[in-house]
PDB file of N, CA and C in Angstrom:
ATOM      1  N   MET A   1       0.843  -1.180   0.000  1.00  0.00           N
ATOM      2  CA  MET A   1       0.000   0.000   0.000  1.00  0.00           C
ATOM      3  C   MET A   1       0.891   1.248   0.000  1.00  0.00           C
ATOM      4  N   GLU A   2       0.667   2.122  -0.930  1.00  0.00           N
ATOM      5  CA  GLU A   2       1.467   3.335  -1.037  1.00  0.00           C
ATOM      6  C   GLU A   2       0.916   4.435  -0.136  1.00  0.00           C
ATOM      7  N   LEU A   3       1.825   5.241   0.338  1.00  0.00           N
ATOM      8  CA  LEU A   3       1.427   6.375   1.154  1.00  0.00           C
ATOM      9  C   LEU A   3       0.952   7.509   0.255  1.00  0.00           C
ATOM     10  N   THR A   4      -0.049   8.209   0.732  1.00  0.00           N
ATOM     11  CA  THR A   4      -0.504   9.390   0.002  1.00  0.00           C
ATOM     12  C   THR A   4       0.506  10.510   0.245  1.00  0.00           C
ATOM     13  N   GLU A   5       0.406  11.563  -0.537  1.00  0.00           N
ATOM     14  CA  GLU A   5       1.300  12.710  -0.353  1.00  0.00           C
ATOM     15  C   GLU A   5       1.160  13.283   1.056  1.00  0.00           C
ATOM     16  N   ARG A   6      -0.057  13.328   1.548  1.00  0.00           N
ATOM     17  CA  ARG A   6      -0.300  13.857   2.899  1.00  0.00           C
ATOM     18  C   ARG A   6       0.356  12.964   3.943  1.00  0.00           C
ATOM     19  N   GLU A   7       0.233  11.657   3.798  1.00  0.00           N
ATOM     20  CA  GLU A   7       0.847  10.731   4.739  1.00  0.00           C
ATOM     21  C   GLU A   7       2.374  10.825   4.685  1.00  0.00           C
ATOM     22  N   LYS A   8       2.920  10.978   3.495  1.00  0.00           N
ATOM     23  CA  LYS A   8       4.367  11.143   3.347  1.00  0.00           C
ATOM     24  C   LYS A   8       4.832  12.417   4.043  1.00  0.00           C
ATOM     25  N   ALA A   9       4.080  13.481   3.859  1.00  0.00           N
ATOM     26  CA  ALA A   9       4.439  14.750   4.492  1.00  0.00           C
ATOM     27  C   ALA A   9       4.375  14.635   6.016  1.00  0.00           C
ATOM     28  N   LEU A  10       3.334  13.964   6.529  1.00  0.00           N
ATOM     29  CA  LEU A  10       3.212  13.778   7.983  1.00  0.00           C
ATOM     30  C   LEU A  10       4.344  12.911   8.517  1.00  0.00           C
ATOM     31  N   GLU A  11       4.701  11.879   7.787  1.00  0.00           N
ATOM     32  CA  GLU A  11       5.783  11.010   8.196  1.00  0.00           C
ATOM     33  C   GLU A  11       7.104  11.777   8.233  1.00  0.00           C
ATOM     34  N   GLU A  12       7.350  12.564   7.209  1.00  0.00           N
ATOM     35  CA  GLU A  12       8.568  13.363   7.156  1.00  0.00           C
ATOM     36  C   GLU A  12       8.615  14.363   8.299  1.00  0.00           C
ATOM     37  N   ARG A  13       7.482  14.997   8.573  1.00  0.00           N
ATOM     38  CA  ARG A  13       7.404  15.974   9.666  1.00  0.00           C
ATOM     39  C   ARG A  13       7.677  15.305  11.013  1.00  0.00           C
ATOM     40  N   TYR A  14       7.110  14.105  11.189  1.00  0.00           N
ATOM     41  CA  TYR A  14       7.325  13.359  12.427  1.00  0.00           C
ATOM     42  C   TYR A  14       8.812  13.052  12.607  1.00  0.00           C
ATOM     43  N   ILE A  15       9.465  12.600  11.541  1.00  0.00           N
ATOM     44  CA  ILE A  15      10.888  12.271  11.609  1.00  0.00           C
ATOM     45  C   ILE A  15      11.717  13.507  11.928  1.00  0.00           C
ATOM     46  N   LEU A  16      11.425  14.612  11.280  1.00  0.00           N
ATOM     47  CA  LEU A  16      12.153  15.858  11.543  1.00  0.00           C
ATOM     48  C   LEU A  16      11.959  16.325  12.983  1.00  0.00           C
ATOM     49  N   ASP A  17      10.722  16.246  13.471  1.00  0.00           N
ATOM     50  CA  ASP A  17      10.444  16.645  14.857  1.00  0.00           C
ATOM     51  C   ASP A  17      11.192  15.755  15.844  1.00  0.00           C
ATOM     52  N   PHE A  18      11.213  14.459  15.557  1.00  0.00           N
ATOM     53  CA  PHE A  18      11.900  13.514  16.433  1.00  0.00           C
ATOM     54  C   PHE A  18      13.402  13.797  16.451  1.00  0.00           C
ATOM     55  N   GLU A  19      13.985  14.004  15.277  1.00  0.00           N
ATOM     56  CA  GLU A  19      15.413  14.306  15.194  1.00  0.00           C
ATOM     57  C   GLU A  19      15.737  15.601  15.926  1.00  0.00           C
ATOM     58  N   ARG A  20      14.878  16.599  15.788  1.00  0.00           N
ATOM     59  CA  ARG A  20      15.099  17.870  16.481  1.00  0.00           C
ATOM     60  C   ARG A  20      15.042  17.677  17.994  1.00  0.00           C
ATOM     61  N   SER A  21      14.081  16.890  18.455  1.00  0.00           N
ATOM     62  CA  SER A  21      13.974  16.675  19.901  1.00  0.00           C
ATOM     63  C   SER A  21      15.223  15.984  20.437  1.00  0.00           C
ATOM     64  N   LEU A  22      15.806  15.076  19.661  1.00  0.00           N
ATOM     65  CA  LEU A  22      17.048  14.432  20.085  1.00  0.00           C
ATOM     66  C   LEU A  22      18.197  15.439  20.145  1.00  0.00           C
ATOM     67  N   ARG A  23      18.281  16.313  19.151  1.00  0.00           N
ATOM     68  CA  ARG A  23      19.339  17.332  19.137  1.00  0.00           C
ATOM     69  C   ARG A  23      19.172  18.301  20.305  1.00  0.00           C
ATOM     70  N   VAL A  24      17.933  18.688  20.589  1.00  0.00           N
ATOM     71  CA  VAL A  24      17.687  19.607  21.711  1.00  0.00           C
ATOM     72  C   VAL A  24      18.081  18.936  23.028  1.00  0.00           C
ATOM     73  N   ARG A  25      17.729  17.681  23.194  1.00  0.00           N
ATOM     74  CA  ARG A  25      18.063  16.961  24.427  1.00  0.00           C
ATOM     75  C   ARG A  25      19.578  16.832  24.573  1.00  0.00           C
ATOM     76  N   GLU A  26      20.267  16.506  23.490  1.00  0.00           N
ATOM     77  CA  GLU A  26      21.724  16.392  23.549  1.00  0.00           C
ATOM     78  C   GLU A  26      22.358  17.732  23.908  1.00  0.00           C
ATOM     79  N   ARG A  27      21.860  18.801  23.317  1.00  0.00           N
ATOM     80  CA  ARG A  27      22.394  20.135  23.619  1.00  0.00           C
ATOM     81  C   ARG A  27      22.100  20.481  25.074  1.00  0.00           C
ATOM     82  N   ARG A  28      20.891  20.203  25.528  1.00  0.00           N
ATOM     83  CA  ARG A  28      20.528  20.477  26.926  1.00  0.00           C
ATOM     84  C   ARG A  28      21.453  19.721  27.873  1.00  0.00           C
ATOM     85  N   ASP A  29      21.720  18.456  27.575  1.00  0.00           N
ATOM     86  CA  ASP A  29      22.606  17.665  28.428  1.00  0.00           C
ATOM     87  C   ASP A  29      24.016  18.253  28.434  1.00  0.00           C
ATOM     88  N   SER A  30      24.463  18.749  27.298  1.00  0.00           N
ATOM     89  CA  SER A  30      25.781  19.370  27.218  1.00  0.00           C
ATOM     90  C   SER A  30      25.832  20.652  28.056  1.00  0.00           C
ATOM     91  N   LEU A  31      24.793  21.474  27.946  1.00  0.00           N
ATOM     92  CA  LEU A  31      24.715  22.694  28.758  1.00  0.00           C
ATOM     93  C   LEU A  31      24.644  22.359  30.251  1.00  0.00           C
ATOM     94  N   PHE A  32      23.870  21.340  30.574  1.00  0.00           N
ATOM     95  CA  PHE A  32      23.716  20.901  31.960  1.00  0.00           C
ATOM     96  C   PHE A  32      25.053  20.402  32.501  1.00  0.00           C
ATOM     97  N   ALA A  33      25.789  19.653  31.683  1.00  0.00           N
ATOM     98  CA  ALA A  33      27.095  19.146  32.094  1.00  0.00           C
ATOM     99  C   ALA A  33      28.063  20.292  32.343  1.00  0.00           C
ATOM    100  N   GLY A  34      28.027  21.304  31.475  1.00  0.00           N
ATOM    101  CA  GLY A  34      28.892  22.468  31.667  1.00  0.00           C
ATOM    102  C   GLY A  34      28.568  23.196  32.954  1.00  0.00           C
ATOM    103  N   TRP A  35      27.281  23.371  33.203  1.00  0.00           N
ATOM    104  CA  TRP A  35      26.844  24.029  34.441  1.00  0.00           C
ATOM    105  C   TRP A  35      27.286  23.217  35.652  1.00  0.00           C
ATOM    106  N   ALA A  36      27.068  21.898  35.605  1.00  0.00           N
ATOM    107  CA  ALA A  36      27.436  21.038  36.733  1.00  0.00           C
ATOM    108  C   ALA A  36      28.947  21.013  36.922  1.00  0.00           C
ATOM    109  N   ALA A  37      29.710  20.972  35.839  1.00  0.00           N
ATOM    110  CA  ALA A  37      31.172  20.956  35.942  1.00  0.00           C
ATOM    111  C   ALA A  37      31.670  22.229  36.631  1.00  0.00           C
ATOM    112  N   ARG A  38      31.075  23.370  36.283  1.00  0.00           N
ATOM    113  CA  ARG A  38      31.460  24.626  36.945  1.00  0.00           C
ATOM    114  C   ARG A  38      31.090  24.582  38.426  1.00  0.00           C
ATOM    115  N   ALA A  39      29.907  24.065  38.735  1.00  0.00           N
ATOM    116  CA  ALA A  39      29.477  23.978  40.137  1.00  0.00           C
ATOM    117  C   ALA A  39      30.385  23.034  40.929  1.00  0.00           C
ATOM    118  N   LEU A  40      30.859  21.981  40.256  1.00  0.00           N
ATOM    119  CA  LEU A  40      31.737  21.004  40.905  1.00  0.00           C
ATOM    120  C   LEU A  40      33.200  21.450  40.871  1.00  0.00           C
ATOM    121  N   ASP A  41      33.454  22.586  40.223  1.00  0.00           N
ATOM    122  CA  ASP A  41      34.805  23.128  40.072  1.00  0.00           C
ATOM    123  C   ASP A  41      35.731  22.118  39.395  1.00  0.00           C
ATOM    124  N   ARG A  42      35.197  21.491  38.344  1.00  0.00           N
ATOM    125  CA  ARG A  42      35.983  20.520  37.576  1.00  0.00           C
ATOM    126  C   ARG A  42      36.669  21.226  36.420  1.00  0.00           C
ATOM    127  N   ALA A  43      37.950  21.017  36.309  1.00  0.00           N
ATOM    128  CA  ALA A  43      38.717  21.634  35.228  1.00  0.00           C
ATOM    129  C   ALA A  43      38.491  20.905  33.908  1.00  0.00           C
ATOM    130  N   ASP A  44      38.043  19.658  33.987  1.00  0.00           N
ATOM    131  CA  ASP A  44      37.852  18.835  32.798  1.00  0.00           C
ATOM    132  C   ASP A  44      36.389  18.846  32.345  1.00  0.00           C
ATOM    133  N   ALA A  45      35.877  20.023  32.038  1.00  0.00           N
ATOM    134  CA  ALA A  45      34.462  20.172  31.677  1.00  0.00           C
ATOM    135  C   ALA A  45      34.100  19.334  30.453  1.00  0.00           C
ATOM    136  N   THR A  46      34.998  19.230  29.490  1.00  0.00           N
ATOM    137  CA  THR A  46      34.721  18.445  28.291  1.00  0.00           C
ATOM    138  C   THR A  46      34.600  16.963  28.631  1.00  0.00           C
ATOM    139  N   ALA A  47      35.490  16.472  29.456  1.00  0.00           N
ATOM    140  CA  ALA A  47      35.427  15.068  29.872  1.00  0.00           C
ATOM    141  C   ALA A  47      34.160  14.815  30.678  1.00  0.00           C
ATOM    142  N   TYR A  48      33.790  15.769  31.523  1.00  0.00           N
ATOM    143  CA  TYR A  48      32.571  15.621  32.312  1.00  0.00           C
ATOM    144  C   TYR A  48      31.343  15.619  31.400  1.00  0.00           C
ATOM    145  N   ALA A  49      31.354  16.452  30.382  1.00  0.00           N
ATOM    146  CA  ALA A  49      30.248  16.463  29.414  1.00  0.00           C
ATOM    147  C   ALA A  49      30.127  15.103  28.738  1.00  0.00           C
ATOM    148  N   ASP A  50      31.257  14.472  28.442  1.00  0.00           N
ATOM    149  CA  ASP A  50      31.230  13.125  27.865  1.00  0.00           C
ATOM    150  C   ASP A  50      30.628  12.116  28.834  1.00  0.00           C
ATOM    151  N   GLU A  51      30.962  12.251  30.122  1.00  0.00           N
ATOM    152  CA  GLU A  51      30.380  11.371  31.136  1.00  0.00           C
ATOM    153  C   GLU A  51      28.858  11.533  31.190  1.00  0.00           C
ATOM    154  N   ILE A  52      28.411  12.774  31.134  1.00  0.00           N
ATOM    155  CA  ILE A  52      26.972  13.044  31.168  1.00  0.00           C
ATOM    156  C   ILE A  52      26.306  12.480  29.905  1.00  0.00           C
ATOM    157  N   ALA A  53      26.949  12.671  28.760  1.00  0.00           N
ATOM    158  CA  ALA A  53      26.403  12.142  27.505  1.00  0.00           C
ATOM    159  C   ALA A  53      26.293  10.626  27.581  1.00  0.00           C
ATOM    160  N   ASP A  54      27.301   9.970  28.130  1.00  0.00           N
ATOM    161  CA  ASP A  54      27.248   8.510  28.282  1.00  0.00           C
ATOM    162  C   ASP A  54      26.100   8.106  29.199  1.00  0.00           C
ATOM    163  N   ALA A  55      25.937   8.841  30.290  1.00  0.00           N
ATOM    164  CA  ALA A  55      24.836   8.549  31.211  1.00  0.00           C
ATOM    165  C   ALA A  55      23.499   8.763  30.515  1.00  0.00           C
ATOM    166  N   GLY A  56      23.416   9.787  29.672  1.00  0.00           N
ATOM    167  CA  GLY A  56      22.177  10.088  28.967  1.00  0.00           C
ATOM    168  C   GLY A  56      21.783   9.024  27.968  1.00  0.00           C
ATOM    169  N   ARG A  57      22.761   8.266  27.488  1.00  0.00           N
ATOM    170  CA  ARG A  57      22.461   7.200  26.532  1.00  0.00           C
ATOM    171  C   ARG A  57      22.115   5.882  27.224  1.00  0.00           C
ATOM    172  N   ALA A  58      22.331   5.806  28.521  1.00  0.00           N
ATOM    173  CA  ALA A  58      22.149   4.553  29.250  1.00  0.00           C
ATOM    174  C   ALA A  58      20.695   4.075  29.255  1.00  0.00           C
ATOM    175  N   GLU A  59      19.775   5.001  29.359  1.00  0.00           N
ATOM    176  CA  GLU A  59      18.350   4.627  29.372  1.00  0.00           C
ATOM    177  C   GLU A  59      17.530   5.817  28.903  1.00  0.00           C
ATOM    178  N   ALA A  60      16.315   5.535  28.525  1.00  0.00           N
ATOM    179  CA  ALA A  60      15.426   6.602  28.056  1.00  0.00           C
ATOM    180  C   ALA A  60      15.077   7.537  29.213  1.00  0.00           C
ATOM    181  N   GLY A  61      14.851   8.781  28.889  1.00  0.00           N
ATOM    182  CA  GLY A  61      14.464   9.753  29.901  1.00  0.00           C
ATOM    183  C   GLY A  61      15.669  10.432  30.524  1.00  0.00           C
ATOM    184  N   ASP A  62      15.402  11.186  31.566  1.00  0.00           N
ATOM    185  CA  ASP A  62      16.437  12.004  32.195  1.00  0.00           C
ATOM    186  C   ASP A  62      16.949  11.432  33.506  1.00  0.00           C
ATOM    187  N   ASP A  63      16.371  10.347  33.971  1.00  0.00           N
ATOM    188  CA  ASP A  63      16.726   9.821  35.285  1.00  0.00           C
ATOM    189  C   ASP A  63      18.202   9.481  35.418  1.00  0.00           C
ATOM    190  N   ASP A  64      18.782   8.909  34.389  1.00  0.00           N
ATOM    191  CA  ASP A  64      20.184   8.516  34.460  1.00  0.00           C
ATOM    192  C   ASP A  64      21.099   9.732  34.600  1.00  0.00           C
ATOM    193  N   VAL A  65      20.799  10.788  33.873  1.00  0.00           N
ATOM    194  CA  VAL A  65      21.598  12.019  33.969  1.00  0.00           C
ATOM    195  C   VAL A  65      21.413  12.652  35.348  1.00  0.00           C
ATOM    196  N   LEU A  66      20.184  12.715  35.802  1.00  0.00           N
ATOM    197  CA  LEU A  66      19.909  13.293  37.121  1.00  0.00           C
ATOM    198  C   LEU A  66      20.624  12.522  38.226  1.00  0.00           C
ATOM    199  N   ARG A  67      20.555  11.198  38.170  1.00  0.00           N
ATOM    200  CA  ARG A  67      21.213  10.388  39.206  1.00  0.00           C
ATOM    201  C   ARG A  67      22.719  10.648  39.226  1.00  0.00           C
ATOM    202  N   LYS A  68      23.330  10.691  38.056  1.00  0.00           N
ATOM    203  CA  LYS A  68      24.778  10.913  37.992  1.00  0.00           C
ATOM    204  C   LYS A  68      25.163  12.253  38.596  1.00  0.00           C
ATOM    205  N   VAL A  69      24.504  13.311  38.173  1.00  0.00           N
ATOM    206  CA  VAL A  69      24.854  14.645  38.671  1.00  0.00           C
ATOM    207  C   VAL A  69      24.546  14.747  40.162  1.00  0.00           C
ATOM    208  N   LEU A  70      23.430  14.191  40.587  1.00  0.00           N
ATOM    209  CA  LEU A  70      23.084  14.227  42.011  1.00  0.00           C
ATOM    210  C   LEU A  70      24.146  13.493  42.833  1.00  0.00           C
ATOM    211  N   ARG A  71      24.596  12.328  42.361  1.00  0.00           N
ATOM    212  CA  ARG A  71      25.666  11.592  43.058  1.00  0.00           C
ATOM    213  C   ARG A  71      26.949  12.428  43.107  1.00  0.00           C
ATOM    214  N   ASP A  72      27.282  13.044  41.986  1.00  0.00           N
ATOM    215  CA  ASP A  72      28.501  13.856  41.940  1.00  0.00           C
ATOM    216  C   ASP A  72      28.412  15.048  42.892  1.00  0.00           C
ATOM    217  N   PHE A  73      27.252  15.692  42.944  1.00  0.00           N
ATOM    218  CA  PHE A  73      27.062  16.809  43.870  1.00  0.00           C
ATOM    219  C   PHE A  73      27.169  16.320  45.311  1.00  0.00           C
ATOM    220  N   GLU A  74      26.535  15.188  45.617  1.00  0.00           N
ATOM    221  CA  GLU A  74      26.595  14.645  46.977  1.00  0.00           C
ATOM    222  C   GLU A  74      28.030  14.314  47.360  1.00  0.00           C
ATOM    223  N   SER A  75      28.775  13.697  46.432  1.00  0.00           N
ATOM    224  CA  SER A  75      30.177  13.347  46.704  1.00  0.00           C
ATOM    225  C   SER A  75      31.024  14.582  46.960  1.00  0.00           C
ATOM    226  N   ALA A  76      30.698  15.673  46.293  1.00  0.00           N
ATOM    227  CA  ALA A  76      31.452  16.923  46.453  1.00  0.00           C
ATOM    228  C   ALA A  76      30.939  17.768  47.616  1.00  0.00           C
ATOM    229  N   GLY A  77      29.869  17.307  48.274  1.00  0.00           N
ATOM    230  CA  GLY A  77      29.317  18.063  49.395  1.00  0.00           C
ATOM    231  C   GLY A  77      28.522  19.282  48.975  1.00  0.00           C
ATOM    232  N   ILE A  78      28.028  19.278  47.750  1.00  0.00           N
ATOM    233  CA  ILE A  78      27.233  20.401  47.241  1.00  0.00           C
ATOM    234  C   ILE A  78      25.761  20.073  47.457  1.00  0.00           C
ATOM    235  N   PRO A  79      25.060  20.886  48.238  1.00  0.00           N
ATOM    236  CA  PRO A  79      23.647  20.588  48.485  1.00  0.00           C
ATOM    237  C   PRO A  79      22.804  20.820  47.227  1.00  0.00           C
ATOM    238  N   ALA A  80      22.051  19.803  46.861  1.00  0.00           N
ATOM    239  CA  ALA A  80      21.140  19.904  45.723  1.00  0.00           C
ATOM    240  C   ALA A  80      20.101  18.803  45.850  1.00  0.00           C
ATOM    241  N   THR A  81      18.895  19.119  45.429  1.00  0.00           N
ATOM    242  CA  THR A  81      17.840  18.112  45.413  1.00  0.00           C
ATOM    243  C   THR A  81      17.560  17.715  43.975  1.00  0.00           C
ATOM    244  N   ARG A  82      16.932  16.597  43.836  1.00  0.00           N
ATOM    245  CA  ARG A  82      16.529  16.114  42.514  1.00  0.00           C
ATOM    246  C   ARG A  82      15.652  17.158  41.825  1.00  0.00           C
ATOM    247  N   GLU A  83      14.754  17.767  42.578  1.00  0.00           N
ATOM    248  CA  GLU A  83      13.843  18.762  42.024  1.00  0.00           C
ATOM    249  C   GLU A  83      14.590  19.996  41.527  1.00  0.00           C
ATOM    250  N   GLN A  84      15.607  20.415  42.259  1.00  0.00           N
ATOM    251  CA  GLN A  84      16.404  21.565  41.823  1.00  0.00           C
ATOM    252  C   GLN A  84      17.137  21.255  40.521  1.00  0.00           C
ATOM    253  N   LEU A  85      17.685  20.061  40.431  1.00  0.00           N
ATOM    254  CA  LEU A  85      18.387  19.666  39.205  1.00  0.00           C
ATOM    255  C   LEU A  85      17.423  19.530  38.037  1.00  0.00           C
ATOM    256  N   GLN A  86      16.238  18.997  38.300  1.00  0.00           N
ATOM    257  CA  GLN A  86      15.230  18.894  37.240  1.00  0.00           C
ATOM    258  C   GLN A  86      14.828  20.272  36.738  1.00  0.00           C
ATOM    259  N   GLU A  87      14.686  21.218  37.640  1.00  0.00           N
ATOM    260  CA  GLU A  87      14.325  22.583  37.247  1.00  0.00           C
ATOM    261  C   GLU A  87      15.428  23.199  36.388  1.00  0.00           C
ATOM    262  N   LYS A  88      16.675  22.966  36.753  1.00  0.00           N
ATOM    263  CA  LYS A  88      17.791  23.474  35.952  1.00  0.00           C
ATOM    264  C   LYS A  88      17.773  22.840  34.563  1.00  0.00           C
ATOM    265  N   MET A  89      17.496  21.550  34.505  1.00  0.00           N
ATOM    266  CA  MET A  89      17.419  20.866  33.209  1.00  0.00           C
ATOM    267  C   MET A  89      16.287  21.432  32.356  1.00  0.00           C
ATOM    268  N   ARG A  90      15.151  21.711  32.982  1.00  0.00           N
ATOM    269  CA  ARG A  90      14.017  22.299  32.242  1.00  0.00           C
ATOM    270  C   ARG A  90      14.384  23.661  31.679  1.00  0.00           C
ATOM    271  N   ALA A  91      15.031  24.466  32.493  1.00  0.00           N
ATOM    272  CA  ALA A  91      15.438  25.805  32.037  1.00  0.00           C
ATOM    273  C   ALA A  91      16.426  25.694  30.881  1.00  0.00           C
ATOM    274  N   LEU A  92      17.359  24.766  30.973  1.00  0.00           N
ATOM    275  CA  LEU A  92      18.356  24.606  29.921  1.00  0.00           C
ATOM    276  C   LEU A  92      17.772  23.987  28.652  1.00  0.00           C
ATOM    277  N   LEU A  93      16.658  23.293  28.786  1.00  0.00           N
ATOM    278  CA  LEU A  93      15.985  22.745  27.603  1.00  0.00           C
ATOM    279  C   LEU A  93      15.541  23.879  26.685  1.00  0.00           C
ATOM    280  N   PHE A  94      15.010  24.940  27.273  1.00  0.00           N
ATOM    281  CA  PHE A  94      14.574  26.096  26.482  1.00  0.00           C
ATOM    282  C   PHE A  94      15.776  26.824  25.874  1.00  0.00           C
ATOM    283  N   VAL A  95      16.844  26.926  26.639  1.00  0.00           N
ATOM    284  CA  VAL A  95      18.067  27.554  26.123  1.00  0.00           C
ATOM    285  C   VAL A  95      18.589  26.754  24.932  1.00  0.00           C
ATOM    286  N   ALA A  96      18.618  25.434  25.078  1.00  0.00           N
ATOM    287  CA  ALA A  96      19.106  24.567  24.002  1.00  0.00           C
ATOM    288  C   ALA A  96      18.254  24.720  22.744  1.00  0.00           C
ATOM    289  N   ALA A  97      16.934  24.742  22.912  1.00  0.00           N
ATOM    290  CA  ALA A  97      16.038  24.898  21.761  1.00  0.00           C
ATOM    291  C   ALA A  97      16.259  26.241  21.081  1.00  0.00           C
ATOM    292  N   GLU A  98      16.415  27.289  21.869  1.00  0.00           N
ATOM    293  CA  GLU A  98      16.652  28.621  21.298  1.00  0.00           C
ATOM    294  C   GLU A  98      17.983  28.669  20.563  1.00  0.00           C
ATOM    295  N   GLN A  99      19.005  28.058  21.126  1.00  0.00           N
ATOM    296  CA  GLN A  99      20.311  28.040  20.464  1.00  0.00           C
ATOM    297  C   GLN A  99      20.235  27.314  19.118  1.00  0.00           C
ATOM    298  N   LEU A 100      19.592  26.156  19.105  1.00  0.00           N
ATOM    299  CA  LEU A 100      19.485  25.396  17.858  1.00  0.00           C
ATOM    300  C   LEU A 100      18.654  26.144  16.826  1.00  0.00           C
ATOM    301  N   ASP A 101      17.589  26.798  17.275  1.00  0.00           N
ATOM    302  CA  ASP A 101      16.783  27.604  16.352  1.00  0.00           C
ATOM    303  C   ASP A 101      17.604  28.745  15.765  1.00  0.00           C
ATOM    304  N   ALA A 102      18.390  29.403  16.608  1.00  0.00           N
ATOM    305  CA  ALA A 102      19.220  30.515  16.131  1.00  0.00           C
ATOM    306  C   ALA A 102      20.275  30.016  15.142  1.00  0.00           C
ATOM    307  N   GLU A 103      20.861  28.885  15.428  1.00  0.00           N
ATOM    308  CA  GLU A 103      21.856  28.307  14.527  1.00  0.00           C
ATOM    309  C   GLU A 103      21.221  27.918  13.181  1.00  0.00           C
ATOM    310  N   SER A 104      20.016  27.378  13.259  1.00  0.00           N
ATOM    311  CA  SER A 104      19.303  26.986  12.042  1.00  0.00           C
ATOM    312  C   SER A 104      18.968  28.202  11.207  1.00  0.00           C
ATOM    313  N   THR A 105      18.522  29.273  11.852  1.00  0.00           N
ATOM    314  CA  THR A 105      18.194  30.511  11.153  1.00  0.00           C
ATOM    315  C   THR A 105      19.437  31.092  10.505  1.00  0.00           C
ATOM    316  N   GLU A 106      20.532  31.083  11.251  1.00  0.00           N
ATOM    317  CA  GLU A 106      21.797  31.620  10.726  1.00  0.00           C
ATOM    318  C   GLU A 106      22.281  30.799   9.528  1.00  0.00           C
ATOM    319  N   ALA A 107      22.124  29.501   9.592  1.00  0.00           N
ATOM    320  CA  ALA A 107      22.576  28.632   8.506  1.00  0.00           C
ATOM    321  C   ALA A 107      21.777  28.843   7.229  1.00  0.00           C
ATOM    322  N   ARG A 108      20.521  29.245   7.370  1.00  0.00           N
ATOM    323  CA  ARG A 108      19.679  29.477   6.191  1.00  0.00           C
ATOM    324  C   ARG A 108      19.998  30.793   5.496  1.00  0.00           C
ATOM    325  N   ARG A 109      20.728  31.675   6.158  1.00  0.00           N
ATOM    326  CA  ARG A 109      21.039  32.993   5.584  1.00  0.00           C
ATOM    327  C   ARG A 109      22.124  32.905   4.576  1.00  0.00           C
TER     328      ARG A 109
END
């Protein structure tokens, strides 16, 4: 059974939206890792970002990233709750989306 033009367009839109959501999440995790590395006073921010990225690939959702950063904060004696970290991640999600949108707009020029 062949897809109609409308179905093809919807399928393409779904794929593009899904790919964008993955890029936004990856960017958010990178921003979150940078923020956490600064809070932890880690000189190896790039290596820490890689650790966060690895944690982010371990399972679906944000729990793995949250657990890692929360453990790291606890080990460093930095007070933080899961809710505070989730709020920071939410805020950085919007920053990540705005950055990617700006980059996309710039690339089209």
